[in-house]
């Protein structure tokens, strides 16, 4: 009985760690830098429970640290558009597209990306 419990606990721990690693791999990706140049397309929608929410859809050119361009499509789930002229560091994954974004200061932009963004 003791061996069974040890085996069961080990299996649960291995499964949990495996899921954490898989999630990390799926949500990680390449960093691109964008500048918000418009208010985005406002989307009014309802969730599965019928509650209304607002999203803002963006399609903007982004540049990696080498200056390579990629058009990035993402939604901002906020009650207002993202701040115009703000710079974002966007994480892009080939399987999931944009997985996250965060605002950065102009001085944090890699040199080649800043040049491509015109700053």
N, C-alpha and C. Protein backbone atom coordinates (compact mmCIF):
# COMPACT_ATOMS: atom_id res chain seq x y z
N UNK A 1 0.82 -1.20 0.00
CA UNK A 1 0.00 0.00 0.00
C UNK A 1 0.86 1.26 0.00
N UNK A 2 1.95 1.23 0.77
CA UNK A 2 2.84 2.38 0.87
C UNK A 2 3.50 2.66 -0.49
N UNK A 3 3.92 1.60 -1.19
CA UNK A 3 4.54 1.76 -2.50
C UNK A 3 3.54 2.35 -3.49
N UNK A 4 2.31 1.93 -3.40
CA UNK A 4 1.26 2.46 -4.28
C UNK A 4 1.07 3.96 -4.08
N UNK A 5 1.01 4.40 -2.83
CA UNK A 5 0.84 5.82 -2.53
C UNK A 5 2.05 6.64 -3.00
N UNK A 6 3.26 6.10 -2.80
CA UNK A 6 4.46 6.80 -3.26
C UNK A 6 4.43 6.91 -4.79
N UNK A 7 4.06 5.85 -5.45
CA UNK A 7 3.96 5.86 -6.91
C UNK A 7 2.91 6.84 -7.40
N UNK A 8 1.76 6.88 -6.73
CA UNK A 8 0.68 7.79 -7.11
C UNK A 8 1.09 9.25 -6.93
N UNK A 9 1.70 9.56 -5.79
CA UNK A 9 2.17 10.93 -5.52
C UNK A 9 3.23 11.32 -6.55
N UNK A 10 4.15 10.40 -6.85
CA UNK A 10 5.20 10.67 -7.84
C UNK A 10 4.58 10.97 -9.21
N UNK A 11 3.60 10.19 -9.59
CA UNK A 11 2.93 10.38 -10.87
C UNK A 11 2.23 11.74 -10.93
N UNK A 12 1.58 12.14 -9.86
CA UNK A 12 0.91 13.44 -9.79
C UNK A 12 1.93 14.58 -9.90
N UNK A 13 3.04 14.47 -9.18
CA UNK A 13 4.07 15.50 -9.22
C UNK A 13 4.67 15.60 -10.63
N UNK A 14 4.98 14.48 -11.24
CA UNK A 14 5.53 14.48 -12.60
C UNK A 14 4.54 15.10 -13.58
N UNK A 15 3.28 14.77 -13.45
CA UNK A 15 2.25 15.35 -14.32
C UNK A 15 2.13 16.85 -14.14
N UNK A 16 2.16 17.30 -12.91
CA UNK A 16 2.07 18.74 -12.63
C UNK A 16 3.26 19.50 -13.22
N UNK A 17 4.46 18.98 -12.99
CA UNK A 17 5.67 19.61 -13.52
C UNK A 17 5.64 19.62 -15.05
N UNK A 18 5.21 18.52 -15.64
CA UNK A 18 5.10 18.45 -17.10
C UNK A 18 4.15 19.49 -17.66
N UNK A 19 3.02 19.69 -17.00
CA UNK A 19 2.05 20.70 -17.45
C UNK A 19 2.63 22.11 -17.32
N UNK A 20 3.37 22.36 -16.25
CA UNK A 20 3.99 23.68 -16.06
C UNK A 20 5.01 23.96 -17.16
N UNK A 21 5.81 22.97 -17.50
CA UNK A 21 6.80 23.13 -18.56
C UNK A 21 6.12 23.34 -19.90
N UNK A 22 5.08 22.57 -20.19
CA UNK A 22 4.36 22.73 -21.45
C UNK A 22 3.74 24.11 -21.56
N UNK A 23 3.17 24.62 -20.47
CA UNK A 23 2.58 25.95 -20.49
C UNK A 23 3.63 27.02 -20.75
N UNK A 24 4.78 26.88 -20.12
CA UNK A 24 5.87 27.84 -20.29
C UNK A 24 6.35 27.85 -21.75
N UNK A 25 6.49 26.68 -22.34
CA UNK A 25 6.94 26.58 -23.73
C UNK A 25 5.91 27.18 -24.67
N UNK A 26 4.63 26.94 -24.42
CA UNK A 26 3.58 27.44 -25.30
C UNK A 26 3.38 28.95 -25.17
N UNK A 27 3.68 29.54 -24.02
CA UNK A 27 3.45 30.97 -23.84
C UNK A 27 4.71 31.80 -24.09
N UNK A 28 5.86 31.15 -24.21
CA UNK A 28 7.08 31.90 -24.49
C UNK A 28 7.16 32.17 -25.99
N UNK A 29 8.08 33.04 -26.36
CA UNK A 29 8.22 33.33 -27.78
C UNK A 29 9.23 34.42 -28.01
N UNK A 30 9.14 35.02 -29.19
CA UNK A 30 10.08 36.05 -29.61
C UNK A 30 9.54 37.43 -29.24
N UNK A 31 10.45 38.32 -28.89
CA UNK A 31 10.07 39.69 -28.51
C UNK A 31 10.07 40.59 -29.74
N UNK A 32 8.98 41.31 -29.91
CA UNK A 32 8.84 42.33 -30.95
C UNK A 32 8.42 43.63 -30.27
N UNK A 33 8.73 44.73 -30.91
CA UNK A 33 8.42 46.05 -30.35
C UNK A 33 7.51 46.78 -31.31
N UNK A 34 6.43 47.33 -30.78
CA UNK A 34 5.45 48.07 -31.58
C UNK A 34 5.19 49.43 -30.94
N UNK A 35 4.66 50.33 -31.75
CA UNK A 35 4.20 51.61 -31.22
C UNK A 35 2.71 51.71 -31.55
N UNK A 36 1.92 52.06 -30.54
CA UNK A 36 0.48 52.21 -30.74
C UNK A 36 0.25 53.49 -31.54
N UNK A 37 -0.29 53.33 -32.74
CA UNK A 37 -0.50 54.48 -33.63
C UNK A 37 -1.97 54.76 -33.89
N UNK A 38 -2.85 53.92 -33.36
CA UNK A 38 -4.29 54.14 -33.54
C UNK A 38 -5.03 53.63 -32.31
N UNK A 39 -6.33 53.88 -32.27
CA UNK A 39 -7.14 53.47 -31.12
C UNK A 39 -7.61 52.02 -31.20
N UNK A 40 -7.26 51.34 -32.25
CA UNK A 40 -7.71 49.95 -32.41
C UNK A 40 -9.17 49.90 -32.81
N UNK A 41 -9.59 48.73 -33.20
CA UNK A 41 -10.99 48.50 -33.59
C UNK A 41 -11.75 48.03 -32.36
N UNK A 42 -12.76 48.81 -31.96
CA UNK A 42 -13.54 48.47 -30.77
C UNK A 42 -14.47 47.30 -31.10
N UNK A 43 -14.44 46.30 -30.24
CA UNK A 43 -15.27 45.11 -30.41
C UNK A 43 -16.11 44.92 -29.15
N UNK A 44 -17.42 45.01 -29.30
CA UNK A 44 -18.35 44.73 -28.20
C UNK A 44 -18.80 43.28 -28.35
N UNK A 45 -18.62 42.50 -27.31
CA UNK A 45 -18.97 41.08 -27.39
C UNK A 45 -19.55 40.62 -26.06
N UNK A 46 -20.00 39.37 -26.06
CA UNK A 46 -20.53 38.76 -24.84
C UNK A 46 -19.82 37.44 -24.61
N UNK A 47 -19.55 37.15 -23.33
CA UNK A 47 -18.93 35.88 -23.00
C UNK A 47 -19.98 34.77 -22.96
N UNK A 48 -19.57 33.57 -22.62
CA UNK A 48 -20.47 32.41 -22.60
C UNK A 48 -21.62 32.57 -21.61
N UNK A 49 -21.43 33.40 -20.59
CA UNK A 49 -22.46 33.64 -19.59
C UNK A 49 -23.40 34.77 -19.96
N UNK A 50 -23.14 35.42 -21.10
CA UNK A 50 -23.99 36.52 -21.54
C UNK A 50 -23.56 37.88 -21.02
N UNK A 51 -22.42 37.95 -20.35
CA UNK A 51 -21.91 39.23 -19.86
C UNK A 51 -21.20 39.98 -20.98
N UNK A 52 -21.48 41.27 -21.10
CA UNK A 52 -20.85 42.09 -22.14
C UNK A 52 -19.44 42.47 -21.74
N UNK A 53 -18.57 42.56 -22.74
CA UNK A 53 -17.21 43.06 -22.52
C UNK A 53 -16.74 43.78 -23.77
N UNK A 54 -15.68 44.56 -23.62
CA UNK A 54 -15.13 45.34 -24.72
C UNK A 54 -13.68 44.91 -24.94
N UNK A 55 -13.34 44.68 -26.19
CA UNK A 55 -11.97 44.39 -26.61
C UNK A 55 -11.57 45.44 -27.64
N UNK A 56 -10.30 45.68 -27.76
CA UNK A 56 -9.79 46.54 -28.83
C UNK A 56 -8.80 45.70 -29.63
N UNK A 57 -9.08 45.59 -30.94
CA UNK A 57 -8.27 44.76 -31.82
C UNK A 57 -7.24 45.63 -32.53
N UNK A 58 -5.98 45.19 -32.52
CA UNK A 58 -4.88 45.91 -33.14
C UNK A 58 -4.18 45.03 -34.17
N UNK A 59 -3.72 45.65 -35.23
CA UNK A 59 -2.86 45.02 -36.23
C UNK A 59 -1.77 46.04 -36.54
N UNK A 60 -0.58 45.80 -36.01
CA UNK A 60 0.50 46.77 -36.09
C UNK A 60 1.80 46.10 -36.51
N UNK A 61 2.67 46.83 -37.21
CA UNK A 61 3.98 46.27 -37.51
C UNK A 61 4.85 46.26 -36.27
N UNK A 62 5.54 45.17 -36.06
CA UNK A 62 6.46 45.04 -34.95
C UNK A 62 7.84 44.68 -35.47
N UNK A 63 8.86 45.01 -34.69
CA UNK A 63 10.24 44.75 -35.10
C UNK A 63 10.98 44.07 -33.97
N UNK A 64 11.77 43.05 -34.32
CA UNK A 64 12.57 42.39 -33.29
C UNK A 64 13.87 43.17 -33.09
N UNK A 65 14.75 42.68 -32.25
CA UNK A 65 15.98 43.41 -31.93
C UNK A 65 16.92 43.54 -33.12
N UNK A 66 16.71 42.72 -34.15
CA UNK A 66 17.53 42.79 -35.36
C UNK A 66 16.89 43.69 -36.42
N UNK A 67 15.68 44.19 -36.15
CA UNK A 67 14.98 45.05 -37.10
C UNK A 67 14.10 44.31 -38.08
N UNK A 68 13.90 43.00 -37.88
CA UNK A 68 13.03 42.22 -38.76
C UNK A 68 11.57 42.53 -38.45
N UNK A 69 10.79 42.71 -39.50
CA UNK A 69 9.39 43.13 -39.36
C UNK A 69 8.44 41.94 -39.33
N UNK A 70 7.38 42.07 -38.53
CA UNK A 70 6.28 41.11 -38.50
C UNK A 70 5.02 41.89 -38.15
N UNK A 71 3.96 41.65 -38.90
CA UNK A 71 2.68 42.28 -38.58
C UNK A 71 2.05 41.47 -37.45
N UNK A 72 1.75 42.15 -36.36
CA UNK A 72 1.24 41.50 -35.15
C UNK A 72 -0.22 41.84 -34.94
N UNK A 73 -1.03 40.83 -34.77
CA UNK A 73 -2.46 41.00 -34.51
C UNK A 73 -2.74 40.57 -33.08
N UNK A 74 -3.35 41.47 -32.31
CA UNK A 74 -3.65 41.14 -30.91
C UNK A 74 -4.82 41.97 -30.42
N UNK A 75 -5.42 41.50 -29.33
CA UNK A 75 -6.52 42.20 -28.69
C UNK A 75 -6.07 42.72 -27.33
N UNK A 76 -6.61 43.87 -26.96
CA UNK A 76 -6.39 44.43 -25.63
C UNK A 76 -7.73 44.39 -24.92
N UNK A 77 -7.81 43.62 -23.87
CA UNK A 77 -9.06 43.50 -23.11
C UNK A 77 -9.09 44.57 -22.03
N UNK A 78 -9.43 45.75 -22.43
CA UNK A 78 -9.51 46.89 -21.51
C UNK A 78 -10.79 47.66 -21.82
N UNK A 79 -11.18 48.52 -20.89
CA UNK A 79 -12.38 49.32 -21.11
C UNK A 79 -12.09 50.56 -21.94
N UNK A 80 -10.84 50.73 -22.37
CA UNK A 80 -10.44 51.86 -23.20
C UNK A 80 -9.31 51.41 -24.13
N UNK A 81 -9.07 52.16 -25.21
CA UNK A 81 -7.96 51.79 -26.10
C UNK A 81 -6.61 51.96 -25.40
N UNK A 82 -5.61 51.29 -25.93
CA UNK A 82 -4.25 51.48 -25.43
C UNK A 82 -3.81 52.90 -25.72
N UNK A 83 -2.89 53.41 -24.91
CA UNK A 83 -2.44 54.80 -25.04
C UNK A 83 -1.68 55.00 -26.35
N UNK A 84 -2.14 55.99 -27.12
CA UNK A 84 -1.47 56.30 -28.39
C UNK A 84 -0.03 56.71 -28.13
N UNK A 85 0.83 56.35 -29.06
CA UNK A 85 2.26 56.63 -29.03
C UNK A 85 3.02 55.78 -28.01
N UNK A 86 2.34 54.93 -27.26
CA UNK A 86 3.02 54.05 -26.30
C UNK A 86 3.81 52.98 -27.06
N UNK A 87 4.91 52.54 -26.47
CA UNK A 87 5.71 51.46 -27.02
C UNK A 87 5.40 50.20 -26.23
N UNK A 88 5.24 49.10 -26.95
CA UNK A 88 4.97 47.82 -26.30
C UNK A 88 6.02 46.80 -26.69
N UNK A 89 6.38 45.97 -25.74
CA UNK A 89 7.17 44.78 -26.01
C UNK A 89 6.16 43.64 -26.08
N UNK A 90 6.07 43.02 -27.24
CA UNK A 90 5.06 42.00 -27.51
C UNK A 90 5.75 40.64 -27.62
N UNK A 91 5.22 39.64 -26.95
CA UNK A 91 5.75 38.28 -27.06
C UNK A 91 4.91 37.54 -28.09
N UNK A 92 5.58 37.05 -29.14
CA UNK A 92 4.91 36.35 -30.24
C UNK A 92 5.40 34.91 -30.28
N UNK A 93 4.45 33.98 -30.39
CA UNK A 93 4.74 32.55 -30.44
C UNK A 93 4.18 32.01 -31.75
N UNK A 94 4.96 31.20 -32.47
CA UNK A 94 4.51 30.72 -33.79
C UNK A 94 3.25 29.87 -33.72
N UNK A 95 2.96 29.25 -32.59
CA UNK A 95 1.76 28.43 -32.45
C UNK A 95 0.55 29.22 -31.98
N UNK A 96 0.76 30.22 -31.14
CA UNK A 96 -0.35 30.94 -30.53
C UNK A 96 -0.47 32.40 -30.96
N UNK A 97 0.50 32.91 -31.70
CA UNK A 97 0.49 34.33 -32.05
C UNK A 97 0.96 35.15 -30.86
N UNK A 98 0.35 36.30 -30.65
CA UNK A 98 0.73 37.16 -29.53
C UNK A 98 0.21 36.55 -28.24
N UNK A 99 1.13 36.32 -27.29
CA UNK A 99 0.73 35.72 -26.02
C UNK A 99 0.72 36.73 -24.88
N UNK A 100 1.47 37.83 -25.03
CA UNK A 100 1.47 38.86 -23.99
C UNK A 100 2.08 40.14 -24.53
N UNK A 101 1.85 41.23 -23.80
CA UNK A 101 2.49 42.49 -24.13
C UNK A 101 2.65 43.30 -22.86
N UNK A 102 3.64 44.20 -22.88
CA UNK A 102 3.86 45.10 -21.76
C UNK A 102 4.39 46.42 -22.31
N UNK A 103 4.03 47.51 -21.66
CA UNK A 103 4.51 48.81 -22.09
C UNK A 103 5.97 48.97 -21.67
N UNK A 104 6.76 49.54 -22.59
CA UNK A 104 8.17 49.85 -22.30
C UNK A 104 8.42 51.31 -22.66
N UNK A 105 9.49 51.85 -22.12
CA UNK A 105 9.89 53.22 -22.43
C UNK A 105 10.71 53.23 -23.71
N UNK A 106 10.74 54.36 -24.39
CA UNK A 106 11.47 54.48 -25.64
C UNK A 106 12.93 54.09 -25.48
N UNK A 107 13.53 54.44 -24.36
CA UNK A 107 14.95 54.13 -24.14
C UNK A 107 15.21 52.64 -23.97
N UNK A 108 14.16 51.84 -23.75
CA UNK A 108 14.30 50.40 -23.61
C UNK A 108 14.23 49.66 -24.95
N UNK A 109 13.92 50.38 -26.03
CA UNK A 109 13.82 49.75 -27.34
C UNK A 109 15.21 49.40 -27.86
N UNK A 110 15.36 48.21 -28.44
CA UNK A 110 16.63 47.89 -29.09
C UNK A 110 16.87 48.89 -30.24
N UNK A 111 18.13 49.20 -30.51
CA UNK A 111 18.49 50.24 -31.47
C UNK A 111 17.84 50.02 -32.84
N UNK A 112 17.95 48.81 -33.38
CA UNK A 112 17.42 48.53 -34.74
C UNK A 112 15.90 48.62 -34.76
N UNK A 113 15.24 48.15 -33.71
CA UNK A 113 13.77 48.25 -33.64
C UNK A 113 13.35 49.71 -33.55
N UNK A 114 14.07 50.51 -32.77
CA UNK A 114 13.76 51.94 -32.62
C UNK A 114 13.90 52.65 -33.95
N UNK A 115 14.95 52.32 -34.71
CA UNK A 115 15.16 52.94 -36.02
C UNK A 115 14.00 52.63 -36.95
N UNK A 116 13.57 51.38 -36.97
CA UNK A 116 12.45 50.96 -37.84
C UNK A 116 11.14 51.62 -37.41
N UNK A 117 10.98 51.89 -36.11
CA UNK A 117 9.77 52.55 -35.62
C UNK A 117 9.83 54.06 -35.82
N UNK A 118 10.98 54.54 -36.29
CA UNK A 118 11.11 55.96 -36.59
C UNK A 118 11.39 56.84 -35.39
N UNK A 119 12.03 56.28 -34.36
CA UNK A 119 12.37 57.10 -33.17
C UNK A 119 13.87 57.10 -32.94
